[in-house]
Amino acid sequence: MLQGRLPWLRPEELNVEQRRIYESIVGGPRSAESKATLTDEAGRLQGPFNVMLVEPKVGDAVQRLGATLRFEAHLDDRAREIAILEVARASLSAYEWYVHEKESRMLGFSDAEIAGLLAGSDIPTLSQREVIVRQVTRHLLDDGDLPTAIYDRALGELGLPVLVDLVFLVGYYEMLARSLRVWRTPLPHGAALPVFSAASEDETPT
């Protein structure tokens, strides 16, 4: 049974505006994802999406930004998932980790790479480009800024459009992690908590 601080509306309970956002989420570019990630067995939105129904105008803008950053940005898939998993670890966001660990494994990340991201340790199999993405993400998370040396290196290796997308991506997933914590968003039924969040209150297992 779903828990948390928000109501969990079934599709038949949505008003016209909420229904429009619901259809944008489940029928847009995210429709290729597992339905178990987006909705529960009753069709209710899970994870960060449920709160977007509470304030539809803002929620629609948030979900459209997320879709753009995930499906239309310049970051390649592996780099994107590295950045998101770094945000999840730093934010102790079990839901972000749960979803994007699955996504990363589908992209071919090895057990050792996933374990290194979870532990925050060095990963020798990452490309130079991926190492820089990881460094940039960590500086943004730890300092909220990029030192000149890291900025110059990232600009030279990634290019300005990718770096811009990366900065926006990190901020977006930090926002989602905060939202998941505030609303005590539960993991899907049966999902295991990652070790880093075993003692945290941000998301309640069901």
N, C-alpha and C. Protein backbone atom coordinates (compact mmCIF):
# COMPACT_ATOMS: atom_id res chain seq x y z
N MET A 1 0.85 -1.21 0.00
CA MET A 1 0.00 0.00 0.00
C MET A 1 0.87 1.24 0.00
N LEU A 2 0.54 2.21 -0.85
CA LEU A 2 1.33 3.42 -0.95
C LEU A 2 1.25 4.23 0.34
N GLN A 3 2.38 4.87 0.66
CA GLN A 3 2.44 5.73 1.83
C GLN A 3 2.96 7.10 1.39
N GLY A 4 3.48 7.86 2.35
CA GLY A 4 4.00 9.17 2.02
C GLY A 4 3.04 10.26 2.45
N ARG A 5 3.33 11.48 2.07
CA ARG A 5 2.58 12.64 2.54
C ARG A 5 1.53 13.14 1.54
N LEU A 6 1.46 12.54 0.38
CA LEU A 6 0.54 13.03 -0.65
C LEU A 6 -0.54 12.00 -0.95
N PRO A 7 -1.69 12.45 -1.44
CA PRO A 7 -2.68 11.50 -1.96
C PRO A 7 -2.15 10.86 -3.24
N TRP A 8 -2.58 9.63 -3.49
CA TRP A 8 -2.17 8.90 -4.69
C TRP A 8 -3.41 8.68 -5.56
N LEU A 9 -3.56 9.53 -6.55
CA LEU A 9 -4.79 9.54 -7.35
C LEU A 9 -4.75 8.47 -8.43
N ARG A 10 -5.86 7.74 -8.53
CA ARG A 10 -6.03 6.81 -9.63
C ARG A 10 -6.40 7.58 -10.90
N PRO A 11 -6.17 7.01 -12.07
CA PRO A 11 -6.48 7.73 -13.31
C PRO A 11 -7.91 8.23 -13.37
N GLU A 12 -8.87 7.45 -12.86
CA GLU A 12 -10.27 7.85 -12.94
C GLU A 12 -10.61 8.99 -11.98
N GLU A 13 -9.71 9.33 -11.06
CA GLU A 13 -9.95 10.41 -10.10
C GLU A 13 -9.37 11.74 -10.58
N LEU A 14 -8.69 11.78 -11.70
CA LEU A 14 -8.01 12.98 -12.16
C LEU A 14 -8.98 13.93 -12.85
N ASN A 15 -8.76 15.23 -12.64
CA ASN A 15 -9.52 16.21 -13.40
C ASN A 15 -8.89 16.39 -14.78
N VAL A 16 -9.45 17.26 -15.59
CA VAL A 16 -9.00 17.39 -16.98
C VAL A 16 -7.53 17.80 -17.06
N GLU A 17 -7.13 18.78 -16.26
CA GLU A 17 -5.75 19.25 -16.29
C GLU A 17 -4.79 18.17 -15.81
N GLN A 18 -5.16 17.49 -14.73
CA GLN A 18 -4.31 16.42 -14.22
C GLN A 18 -4.21 15.27 -15.22
N ARG A 19 -5.31 14.99 -15.88
CA ARG A 19 -5.30 13.90 -16.86
C ARG A 19 -4.37 14.22 -18.03
N ARG A 20 -4.32 15.48 -18.43
CA ARG A 20 -3.43 15.88 -19.52
C ARG A 20 -1.97 15.64 -19.16
N ILE A 21 -1.61 16.00 -17.92
CA ILE A 21 -0.23 15.77 -17.48
C ILE A 21 0.05 14.28 -17.36
N TYR A 22 -0.91 13.56 -16.81
CA TYR A 22 -0.76 12.10 -16.67
C TYR A 22 -0.46 11.47 -18.03
N GLU A 23 -1.22 11.83 -19.03
CA GLU A 23 -1.03 11.25 -20.36
C GLU A 23 0.30 11.68 -20.96
N SER A 24 0.75 12.89 -20.65
CA SER A 24 2.05 13.34 -21.14
C SER A 24 3.18 12.51 -20.55
N ILE A 25 3.01 12.10 -19.31
CA ILE A 25 4.05 11.33 -18.64
C ILE A 25 4.05 9.88 -19.11
N VAL A 26 2.90 9.24 -19.09
CA VAL A 26 2.86 7.81 -19.42
C VAL A 26 2.83 7.56 -20.93
N GLY A 27 2.49 8.57 -21.71
CA GLY A 27 2.40 8.37 -23.15
C GLY A 27 3.46 9.09 -23.95
N GLY A 28 4.35 9.85 -23.27
CA GLY A 28 5.40 10.58 -23.96
C GLY A 28 6.63 9.73 -24.15
N PRO A 29 7.81 10.36 -24.21
CA PRO A 29 9.04 9.59 -24.42
C PRO A 29 9.34 8.60 -23.30
N ARG A 30 8.75 8.83 -22.12
CA ARG A 30 8.98 7.88 -21.03
C ARG A 30 8.19 6.59 -21.21
N SER A 31 7.30 6.53 -22.20
CA SER A 31 6.46 5.35 -22.36
C SER A 31 7.27 4.09 -22.68
N ALA A 32 8.50 4.27 -23.14
CA ALA A 32 9.37 3.12 -23.41
C ALA A 32 9.90 2.51 -22.13
N GLU A 33 9.80 3.24 -21.02
CA GLU A 33 10.27 2.72 -19.74
C GLU A 33 9.29 1.68 -19.20
N SER A 34 9.74 0.96 -18.20
CA SER A 34 8.89 -0.03 -17.56
C SER A 34 7.69 0.64 -16.89
N LYS A 35 6.50 0.09 -17.12
CA LYS A 35 5.31 0.61 -16.44
C LYS A 35 5.44 0.48 -14.92
N ALA A 36 6.24 -0.48 -14.47
CA ALA A 36 6.45 -0.65 -13.03
C ALA A 36 7.19 0.54 -12.45
N THR A 37 7.92 1.29 -13.27
CA THR A 37 8.62 2.48 -12.82
C THR A 37 7.69 3.68 -12.78
N LEU A 38 6.83 3.81 -13.77
CA LEU A 38 5.97 4.99 -13.89
C LEU A 38 4.69 4.88 -13.07
N THR A 39 4.05 3.72 -13.08
CA THR A 39 2.75 3.57 -12.42
C THR A 39 2.71 2.28 -11.60
N ASP A 40 1.78 2.25 -10.65
CA ASP A 40 1.57 1.01 -9.90
C ASP A 40 0.46 0.20 -10.57
N GLU A 41 0.05 -0.88 -9.92
CA GLU A 41 -0.94 -1.77 -10.53
C GLU A 41 -2.31 -1.10 -10.72
N ALA A 42 -2.57 -0.02 -9.98
CA ALA A 42 -3.82 0.72 -10.12
C ALA A 42 -3.70 1.87 -11.12
N GLY A 43 -2.54 2.02 -11.74
CA GLY A 43 -2.35 3.09 -12.70
C GLY A 43 -1.92 4.41 -12.09
N ARG A 44 -1.68 4.45 -10.78
CA ARG A 44 -1.28 5.69 -10.12
C ARG A 44 0.18 5.99 -10.41
N LEU A 45 0.49 7.27 -10.65
CA LEU A 45 1.87 7.66 -10.90
C LEU A 45 2.72 7.42 -9.67
N GLN A 46 3.92 6.91 -9.89
CA GLN A 46 4.84 6.64 -8.80
C GLN A 46 6.00 7.64 -8.82
N GLY A 47 6.85 7.52 -7.81
CA GLY A 47 8.08 8.29 -7.78
C GLY A 47 7.85 9.79 -7.79
N PRO A 48 8.67 10.54 -8.55
CA PRO A 48 8.57 12.00 -8.53
C PRO A 48 7.37 12.54 -9.29
N PHE A 49 6.66 11.69 -10.00
CA PHE A 49 5.61 12.17 -10.90
C PHE A 49 4.30 12.47 -10.19
N ASN A 50 4.02 11.78 -9.10
CA ASN A 50 2.74 11.96 -8.42
C ASN A 50 2.53 13.40 -7.97
N VAL A 51 3.57 14.02 -7.42
CA VAL A 51 3.42 15.39 -6.92
C VAL A 51 3.13 16.37 -8.05
N MET A 52 3.50 16.04 -9.27
CA MET A 52 3.27 16.94 -10.40
C MET A 52 1.79 17.13 -10.69
N LEU A 53 0.95 16.21 -10.20
CA LEU A 53 -0.50 16.34 -10.37
C LEU A 53 -1.11 17.32 -9.38
N VAL A 54 -0.40 17.61 -8.30
CA VAL A 54 -0.95 18.48 -7.25
C VAL A 54 -1.05 19.92 -7.74
N GLU A 55 0.00 20.38 -8.43
CA GLU A 55 0.02 21.74 -8.98
C GLU A 55 0.29 21.60 -10.48
N PRO A 56 -0.75 21.40 -11.27
CA PRO A 56 -0.56 20.98 -12.66
C PRO A 56 0.29 21.90 -13.52
N LYS A 57 0.16 23.21 -13.40
CA LYS A 57 0.93 24.09 -14.27
C LYS A 57 2.42 23.95 -14.02
N VAL A 58 2.81 24.00 -12.76
CA VAL A 58 4.23 23.83 -12.43
C VAL A 58 4.66 22.39 -12.72
N GLY A 59 3.82 21.44 -12.34
CA GLY A 59 4.15 20.04 -12.56
C GLY A 59 4.39 19.72 -14.02
N ASP A 60 3.60 20.30 -14.90
CA ASP A 60 3.77 20.05 -16.33
C ASP A 60 5.09 20.61 -16.82
N ALA A 61 5.44 21.81 -16.36
CA ALA A 61 6.72 22.40 -16.75
C ALA A 61 7.89 21.56 -16.26
N VAL A 62 7.77 21.05 -15.04
CA VAL A 62 8.84 20.22 -14.47
C VAL A 62 9.00 18.92 -15.26
N GLN A 63 7.89 18.25 -15.56
CA GLN A 63 8.01 16.97 -16.25
C GLN A 63 8.49 17.17 -17.69
N ARG A 64 8.12 18.28 -18.33
CA ARG A 64 8.60 18.54 -19.69
C ARG A 64 10.09 18.85 -19.70
N LEU A 65 10.57 19.58 -18.68
CA LEU A 65 12.01 19.83 -18.58
C LEU A 65 12.76 18.51 -18.39
N GLY A 66 12.22 17.65 -17.53
CA GLY A 66 12.87 16.36 -17.32
C GLY A 66 12.94 15.53 -18.58
N ALA A 67 11.86 15.52 -19.36
CA ALA A 67 11.85 14.76 -20.60
C ALA A 67 12.86 15.33 -21.59
N THR A 68 12.98 16.64 -21.64
CA THR A 68 13.95 17.26 -22.54
C THR A 68 15.38 16.90 -22.14
N LEU A 69 15.68 16.98 -20.85
CA LEU A 69 17.03 16.68 -20.38
C LEU A 69 17.38 15.21 -20.58
N ARG A 70 16.41 14.34 -20.46
CA ARG A 70 16.70 12.91 -20.60
C ARG A 70 16.74 12.45 -22.05
N PHE A 71 15.89 13.01 -22.89
CA PHE A 71 15.72 12.44 -24.22
C PHE A 71 16.16 13.35 -25.37
N GLU A 72 16.44 14.60 -25.09
CA GLU A 72 16.80 15.52 -26.17
C GLU A 72 18.11 16.26 -25.94
N ALA A 73 18.74 16.09 -24.81
CA ALA A 73 19.96 16.82 -24.50
C ALA A 73 21.17 16.22 -25.21
N HIS A 74 22.31 16.90 -25.12
CA HIS A 74 23.52 16.49 -25.81
C HIS A 74 24.29 15.38 -25.08
N LEU A 75 24.01 15.18 -23.82
CA LEU A 75 24.70 14.13 -23.05
C LEU A 75 24.38 12.75 -23.61
N ASP A 76 25.40 11.91 -23.75
CA ASP A 76 25.12 10.53 -24.14
C ASP A 76 24.53 9.77 -22.96
N ASP A 77 23.96 8.61 -23.23
CA ASP A 77 23.19 7.89 -22.21
C ASP A 77 24.05 7.50 -21.00
N ARG A 78 25.24 6.99 -21.23
CA ARG A 78 26.08 6.58 -20.10
C ARG A 78 26.46 7.78 -19.24
N ALA A 79 26.85 8.86 -19.86
CA ALA A 79 27.23 10.05 -19.10
C ALA A 79 26.05 10.56 -18.28
N ARG A 80 24.88 10.56 -18.87
CA ARG A 80 23.68 11.01 -18.16
C ARG A 80 23.42 10.17 -16.92
N GLU A 81 23.51 8.85 -17.07
CA GLU A 81 23.22 7.98 -15.93
C GLU A 81 24.29 8.08 -14.85
N ILE A 82 25.54 8.27 -15.23
CA ILE A 82 26.59 8.50 -14.24
C ILE A 82 26.26 9.73 -13.40
N ALA A 83 25.89 10.81 -14.06
CA ALA A 83 25.56 12.04 -13.34
C ALA A 83 24.36 11.84 -12.42
N ILE A 84 23.33 11.16 -12.91
CA ILE A 84 22.12 10.97 -12.09
C ILE A 84 22.41 10.09 -10.88
N LEU A 85 23.17 9.03 -11.08
CA LEU A 85 23.50 8.16 -9.94
C LEU A 85 24.38 8.88 -8.93
N GLU A 86 25.25 9.77 -9.38
CA GLU A 86 26.03 10.59 -8.44
C GLU A 86 25.10 11.48 -7.62
N VAL A 87 24.11 12.07 -8.26
CA VAL A 87 23.14 12.89 -7.52
C VAL A 87 22.37 12.04 -6.53
N ALA A 88 21.93 10.86 -6.96
CA ALA A 88 21.18 9.98 -6.07
C ALA A 88 21.99 9.60 -4.84
N ARG A 89 23.26 9.26 -5.05
CA ARG A 89 24.11 8.87 -3.91
C ARG A 89 24.33 10.05 -2.97
N ALA A 90 24.66 11.22 -3.54
CA ALA A 90 24.94 12.38 -2.70
C ALA A 90 23.70 12.85 -1.95
N SER A 91 22.53 12.66 -2.56
CA SER A 91 21.27 13.11 -1.96
C SER A 91 20.61 12.04 -1.10
N LEU A 92 21.20 10.86 -1.04
CA LEU A 92 20.59 9.72 -0.34
C LEU A 92 19.19 9.44 -0.88
N SER A 93 19.04 9.55 -2.18
CA SER A 93 17.72 9.39 -2.79
C SER A 93 17.54 7.96 -3.29
N ALA A 94 16.85 7.15 -2.50
CA ALA A 94 16.67 5.74 -2.84
C ALA A 94 15.88 5.57 -4.13
N TYR A 95 14.87 6.42 -4.33
CA TYR A 95 14.06 6.25 -5.53
C TYR A 95 14.86 6.56 -6.78
N GLU A 96 15.61 7.66 -6.78
CA GLU A 96 16.45 7.97 -7.93
C GLU A 96 17.44 6.84 -8.21
N TRP A 97 18.04 6.31 -7.14
CA TRP A 97 18.99 5.22 -7.34
C TRP A 97 18.29 3.99 -7.90
N TYR A 98 17.14 3.64 -7.35
CA TYR A 98 16.40 2.46 -7.80
C TYR A 98 16.11 2.52 -9.30
N VAL A 99 15.59 3.65 -9.76
CA VAL A 99 15.22 3.78 -11.17
C VAL A 99 16.45 3.79 -12.07
N HIS A 100 17.46 4.55 -11.68
CA HIS A 100 18.57 4.77 -12.60
C HIS A 100 19.65 3.70 -12.49
N GLU A 101 19.66 2.94 -11.43
CA GLU A 101 20.50 1.74 -11.45
C GLU A 101 19.95 0.77 -12.50
N LYS A 102 18.63 0.59 -12.53
CA LYS A 102 18.03 -0.27 -13.55
C LYS A 102 18.33 0.24 -14.95
N GLU A 103 18.19 1.54 -15.14
CA GLU A 103 18.46 2.14 -16.44
C GLU A 103 19.92 1.91 -16.84
N SER A 104 20.84 2.08 -15.88
CA SER A 104 22.25 1.91 -16.16
C SER A 104 22.58 0.47 -16.53
N ARG A 105 21.98 -0.47 -15.84
CA ARG A 105 22.24 -1.88 -16.17
C ARG A 105 21.73 -2.21 -17.57
N MET A 106 20.62 -1.61 -17.96
CA MET A 106 20.13 -1.84 -19.32
C MET A 106 21.06 -1.25 -20.37
N LEU A 107 21.84 -0.23 -19.98
CA LEU A 107 22.82 0.36 -20.88
C LEU A 107 24.14 -0.40 -20.89
N GLY A 108 24.25 -1.42 -20.06
CA GLY A 108 25.45 -2.24 -20.06
C GLY A 108 26.45 -1.94 -18.96
N PHE A 109 26.09 -1.13 -17.97
CA PHE A 109 26.99 -0.91 -16.84
C PHE A 109 27.24 -2.24 -16.14
N SER A 110 28.48 -2.47 -15.76
CA SER A 110 28.83 -3.71 -15.07
C SER A 110 28.51 -3.62 -13.58
N ASP A 111 28.50 -4.78 -12.92
CA ASP A 111 28.30 -4.80 -11.46
C ASP A 111 29.36 -3.95 -10.77
N ALA A 112 30.60 -4.04 -11.25
CA ALA A 112 31.69 -3.28 -10.63
C ALA A 112 31.49 -1.78 -10.81
N GLU A 113 31.00 -1.37 -11.96
CA GLU A 113 30.75 0.06 -12.17
C GLU A 113 29.62 0.56 -11.29
N ILE A 114 28.56 -0.21 -11.18
CA ILE A 114 27.45 0.17 -10.30
C ILE A 114 27.93 0.24 -8.86
N ALA A 115 28.70 -0.75 -8.43
CA ALA A 115 29.21 -0.76 -7.06
C ALA A 115 30.12 0.43 -6.80
N GLY A 116 30.94 0.80 -7.79
CA GLY A 116 31.82 1.95 -7.62
C GLY A 116 31.05 3.25 -7.51
N LEU A 117 29.99 3.38 -8.28
CA LEU A 117 29.16 4.57 -8.18
C LEU A 117 28.44 4.64 -6.83
N LEU A 118 27.96 3.51 -6.35
CA LEU A 118 27.28 3.47 -5.05
C LEU A 118 28.23 3.81 -3.92
N ALA A 119 29.48 3.33 -4.02
CA ALA A 119 30.47 3.57 -2.97
C ALA A 119 31.19 4.90 -3.11
N GLY A 120 31.09 5.52 -4.28
CA GLY A 120 31.83 6.75 -4.51
C GLY A 120 33.31 6.52 -4.74
N SER A 121 33.67 5.32 -5.18
CA SER A 121 35.07 4.96 -5.36
C SER A 121 35.48 5.08 -6.83
N ASP A 122 36.79 4.97 -7.08
CA ASP A 122 37.29 5.05 -8.45
C ASP A 122 36.78 3.88 -9.28
N ILE A 123 36.56 4.15 -10.56
CA ILE A 123 36.07 3.13 -11.49
C ILE A 123 37.00 3.12 -12.70
N PRO A 124 37.94 2.19 -12.78
CA PRO A 124 38.94 2.23 -13.85
C PRO A 124 38.39 2.02 -15.25
N THR A 125 37.19 1.49 -15.38
CA THR A 125 36.64 1.20 -16.71
C THR A 125 35.94 2.40 -17.35
N LEU A 126 35.79 3.49 -16.63
CA LEU A 126 35.16 4.66 -17.21
C LEU A 126 36.09 5.32 -18.22
N SER A 127 35.50 5.86 -19.28
CA SER A 127 36.29 6.61 -20.25
C SER A 127 36.72 7.95 -19.66
N GLN A 128 37.66 8.60 -20.32
CA GLN A 128 38.11 9.91 -19.85
C GLN A 128 36.94 10.89 -19.81
N ARG A 129 36.10 10.83 -20.80
CA ARG A 129 34.93 11.70 -20.87
C ARG A 129 34.00 11.44 -19.69
N GLU A 130 33.79 10.18 -19.35
CA GLU A 130 32.91 9.82 -18.24
C GLU A 130 33.50 10.23 -16.90
N VAL A 131 34.82 10.13 -16.78
CA VAL A 131 35.49 10.58 -15.55
C VAL A 131 35.28 12.08 -15.36
N ILE A 132 35.38 12.84 -16.43
CA ILE A 132 35.18 14.28 -16.34
C ILE A 132 33.72 14.61 -15.98
N VAL A 133 32.77 13.89 -16.57
CA VAL A 133 31.36 14.08 -16.21
C VAL A 133 31.18 13.83 -14.72
N ARG A 134 31.81 12.80 -14.21
CA ARG A 134 31.70 12.47 -12.79
C ARG A 134 32.33 13.56 -11.92
N GLN A 135 33.49 14.07 -12.34
CA GLN A 135 34.15 15.13 -11.58
C GLN A 135 33.31 16.40 -11.55
N VAL A 136 32.77 16.77 -12.71
CA VAL A 136 31.93 17.96 -12.77
C VAL A 136 30.72 17.81 -11.86
N THR A 137 30.07 16.66 -11.93
CA THR A 137 28.88 16.42 -11.11
C THR A 137 29.22 16.51 -9.63
N ARG A 138 30.32 15.93 -9.23
CA ARG A 138 30.69 15.96 -7.81
C ARG A 138 30.98 17.38 -7.33
N HIS A 139 31.67 18.15 -8.15
CA HIS A 139 31.95 19.54 -7.74
C HIS A 139 30.65 20.34 -7.63
N LEU A 140 29.74 20.13 -8.56
CA LEU A 140 28.45 20.83 -8.49
C LEU A 140 27.69 20.44 -7.22
N LEU A 141 27.74 19.16 -6.87
CA LEU A 141 27.03 18.68 -5.69
C LEU A 141 27.69 19.13 -4.39
N ASP A 142 29.02 19.11 -4.37
CA ASP A 142 29.75 19.43 -3.14
C ASP A 142 29.93 20.92 -2.91
N ASP A 143 30.19 21.67 -4.00
CA ASP A 143 30.56 23.08 -3.89
C ASP A 143 29.55 24.02 -4.53
N GLY A 144 28.66 23.48 -5.37
CA GLY A 144 27.74 24.34 -6.10
C GLY A 144 28.43 25.19 -7.15
N ASP A 145 29.64 24.78 -7.57
CA ASP A 145 30.42 25.58 -8.50
C ASP A 145 31.46 24.68 -9.15
N LEU A 146 32.15 25.21 -10.16
CA LEU A 146 33.24 24.50 -10.80
C LEU A 146 34.51 25.33 -10.70
N PRO A 147 35.57 24.78 -10.11
CA PRO A 147 36.85 25.49 -10.11
C PRO A 147 37.33 25.69 -11.55
N THR A 148 38.14 26.69 -11.75
CA THR A 148 38.58 27.04 -13.10
C THR A 148 39.24 25.86 -13.82
N ALA A 149 40.08 25.12 -13.11
CA ALA A 149 40.78 24.01 -13.76
C ALA A 149 39.81 22.94 -14.24
N ILE A 150 38.80 22.62 -13.43
CA ILE A 150 37.81 21.62 -13.81
C ILE A 150 36.92 22.16 -14.93
N TYR A 151 36.55 23.42 -14.82
CA TYR A 151 35.72 24.04 -15.87
C TYR A 151 36.44 24.00 -17.21
N ASP A 152 37.71 24.40 -17.21
CA ASP A 152 38.45 24.43 -18.47
C ASP A 152 38.62 23.03 -19.05
N ARG A 153 38.89 22.07 -18.19
CA ARG A 153 39.05 20.70 -18.66
C ARG A 153 37.73 20.18 -19.23
N ALA A 154 36.64 20.43 -18.53
CA ALA A 154 35.33 19.96 -18.98
C ALA A 154 34.93 20.64 -20.29
N LEU A 155 35.20 21.92 -20.38
CA LEU A 155 34.86 22.65 -21.60
C LEU A 155 35.62 22.10 -22.80
N GLY A 156 36.90 21.80 -22.58
CA GLY A 156 37.71 21.27 -23.67
C GLY A 156 37.32 19.86 -24.07
N GLU A 157 36.97 19.03 -23.08
CA GLU A 157 36.66 17.62 -23.36
C GLU A 157 35.21 17.42 -23.80
N LEU A 158 34.29 18.13 -23.17
CA LEU A 158 32.86 17.90 -23.42
C LEU A 158 32.27 18.85 -24.44
N GLY A 159 32.77 20.07 -24.47
CA GLY A 159 32.17 21.12 -25.30
C GLY A 159 31.09 21.86 -24.52
N LEU A 160 30.84 23.09 -24.92
CA LEU A 160 29.91 23.93 -24.17
C LEU A 160 28.48 23.39 -24.13
N PRO A 161 27.88 22.94 -25.24
CA PRO A 161 26.49 22.45 -25.16
C PRO A 161 26.33 21.29 -24.17
N VAL A 162 27.27 20.36 -24.16
CA VAL A 162 27.17 19.22 -23.23
C VAL A 162 27.34 19.70 -21.81
N LEU A 163 28.28 20.60 -21.56
CA LEU A 163 28.50 21.10 -20.21
C LEU A 163 27.27 21.85 -19.70
N VAL A 164 26.65 22.64 -20.56
CA VAL A 164 25.41 23.33 -20.17
C VAL A 164 24.34 22.32 -19.79
N ASP A 165 24.16 21.30 -20.62
CA ASP A 165 23.15 20.27 -20.32
C ASP A 165 23.46 19.56 -19.01
N LEU A 166 24.74 19.29 -18.76
CA LEU A 166 25.13 18.58 -17.54
C LEU A 166 24.81 19.41 -16.30
N VAL A 167 25.10 20.70 -16.34
CA VAL A 167 24.80 21.56 -15.18
C VAL A 167 23.30 21.60 -14.93
N PHE A 168 22.51 21.73 -16.00
CA PHE A 168 21.05 21.72 -15.83
C PHE A 168 20.57 20.36 -15.31
N LEU A 169 21.14 19.28 -15.82
CA LEU A 169 20.72 17.93 -15.42
C LEU A 169 20.95 17.72 -13.93
N VAL A 170 22.12 18.10 -13.45
CA VAL A 170 22.43 17.92 -12.02
C VAL A 170 21.45 18.71 -11.16
N GLY A 171 21.18 19.95 -11.54
CA GLY A 171 20.22 20.75 -10.78
C GLY A 171 18.83 20.16 -10.81
N TYR A 172 18.42 19.64 -11.95
CA TYR A 172 17.09 19.05 -12.06
C TYR A 172 16.94 17.84 -11.15
N TYR A 173 17.92 16.94 -11.17
CA TYR A 173 17.79 15.74 -10.35
C TYR A 173 18.01 16.01 -8.86
N GLU A 174 18.74 17.07 -8.53
CA GLU A 174 18.78 17.51 -7.14
C GLU A 174 17.39 17.96 -6.69
N MET A 175 16.70 18.70 -7.55
CA MET A 175 15.35 19.14 -7.24
C MET A 175 14.42 17.95 -7.04
N LEU A 176 14.51 16.96 -7.92
CA LEU A 176 13.68 15.77 -7.76
C LEU A 176 14.00 15.04 -6.46
N ALA A 177 15.27 14.92 -6.14
CA ALA A 177 15.66 14.23 -4.91
C ALA A 177 15.08 14.94 -3.69
N ARG A 178 15.11 16.26 -3.71
CA ARG A 178 14.54 17.03 -2.60
C ARG A 178 13.03 16.81 -2.51
N SER A 179 12.37 16.80 -3.64
CA SER A 179 10.93 16.57 -3.66
C SER A 179 10.60 15.18 -3.13
N LEU A 180 11.34 14.17 -3.56
CA LEU A 180 11.11 12.80 -3.09
C LEU A 180 11.26 12.72 -1.58
N ARG A 181 12.23 13.45 -1.04
CA ARG A 181 12.44 13.42 0.40
C ARG A 181 11.30 14.11 1.14
N VAL A 182 10.96 15.32 0.70
CA VAL A 182 9.94 16.11 1.41
C VAL A 182 8.61 15.36 1.46
N TRP A 183 8.23 14.72 0.35
CA TRP A 183 6.93 14.05 0.29
C TRP A 183 7.00 12.60 0.76
N ARG A 184 8.19 12.18 1.26
CA ARG A 184 8.37 10.80 1.77
C ARG A 184 7.90 9.78 0.73
N THR A 185 8.33 9.99 -0.50
CA THR A 185 7.85 9.15 -1.60
C THR A 185 8.33 7.71 -1.44
N PRO A 186 7.41 6.75 -1.44
CA PRO A 186 7.81 5.36 -1.23
C PRO A 186 8.39 4.72 -2.48
N LEU A 187 9.26 3.76 -2.27
CA LEU A 187 9.72 2.92 -3.35
C LEU A 187 8.58 2.00 -3.80
N PRO A 188 8.64 1.49 -5.03
CA PRO A 188 7.66 0.49 -5.44
C PRO A 188 7.69 -0.72 -4.52
N HIS A 189 6.58 -1.38 -4.41
CA HIS A 189 6.47 -2.54 -3.53
C HIS A 189 7.53 -3.58 -3.86
N GLY A 190 8.26 -4.00 -2.82
CA GLY A 190 9.26 -5.05 -3.00
C GLY A 190 10.63 -4.56 -3.40
N ALA A 191 10.78 -3.27 -3.72
CA ALA A 191 12.09 -2.76 -4.11
C ALA A 191 13.00 -2.66 -2.89
N ALA A 192 14.27 -3.01 -3.08
CA ALA A 192 15.23 -3.00 -1.97
C ALA A 192 15.89 -1.63 -1.86
N LEU A 193 16.06 -1.16 -0.64
CA LEU A 193 16.77 0.09 -0.40
C LEU A 193 18.26 -0.09 -0.65
N PRO A 194 18.91 0.84 -1.36
CA PRO A 194 20.37 0.79 -1.45
C PRO A 194 20.98 1.06 -0.08
N VAL A 195 22.18 0.61 0.11
CA VAL A 195 22.82 0.67 1.42
C VAL A 195 22.91 2.09 1.95
N PHE A 196 23.20 3.08 1.06
CA PHE A 196 23.43 4.43 1.55
C PHE A 196 22.21 5.02 2.22
N SER A 197 20.98 4.55 1.89
CA SER A 197 19.79 5.17 2.44
C SER A 197 19.07 4.29 3.46
N ALA A 198 19.74 3.25 3.93
CA ALA A 198 19.08 2.32 4.85
C ALA A 198 18.59 3.00 6.11
N ALA A 199 19.29 4.08 6.52
CA ALA A 199 18.91 4.74 7.76
C ALA A 199 18.25 6.10 7.51
N SER A 200 17.94 6.42 6.26
CA SER A 200 17.38 7.72 5.97
C SER A 200 15.87 7.69 6.03
N GLU A 201 15.27 8.87 6.18
CA GLU A 201 13.82 8.98 6.32
C GLU A 201 13.18 9.46 5.04
N ASP A 202 14.01 9.76 3.99
CA ASP A 202 13.45 10.48 2.86
C ASP A 202 12.43 9.69 2.08
N GLU A 203 12.61 8.37 1.97
CA GLU A 203 11.68 7.57 1.19
C GLU A 203 11.35 6.31 1.98
N THR A 204 10.10 5.99 2.09
CA THR A 204 9.66 4.90 2.94
C THR A 204 9.38 3.66 2.12
N PRO A 205 10.08 2.53 2.39
CA PRO A 205 9.79 1.31 1.62
C PRO A 205 8.41 0.79 1.91
N THR A 206 7.79 0.14 0.91
CA THR A 206 6.47 -0.44 1.13
C THR A 206 6.52 -1.93 0.82
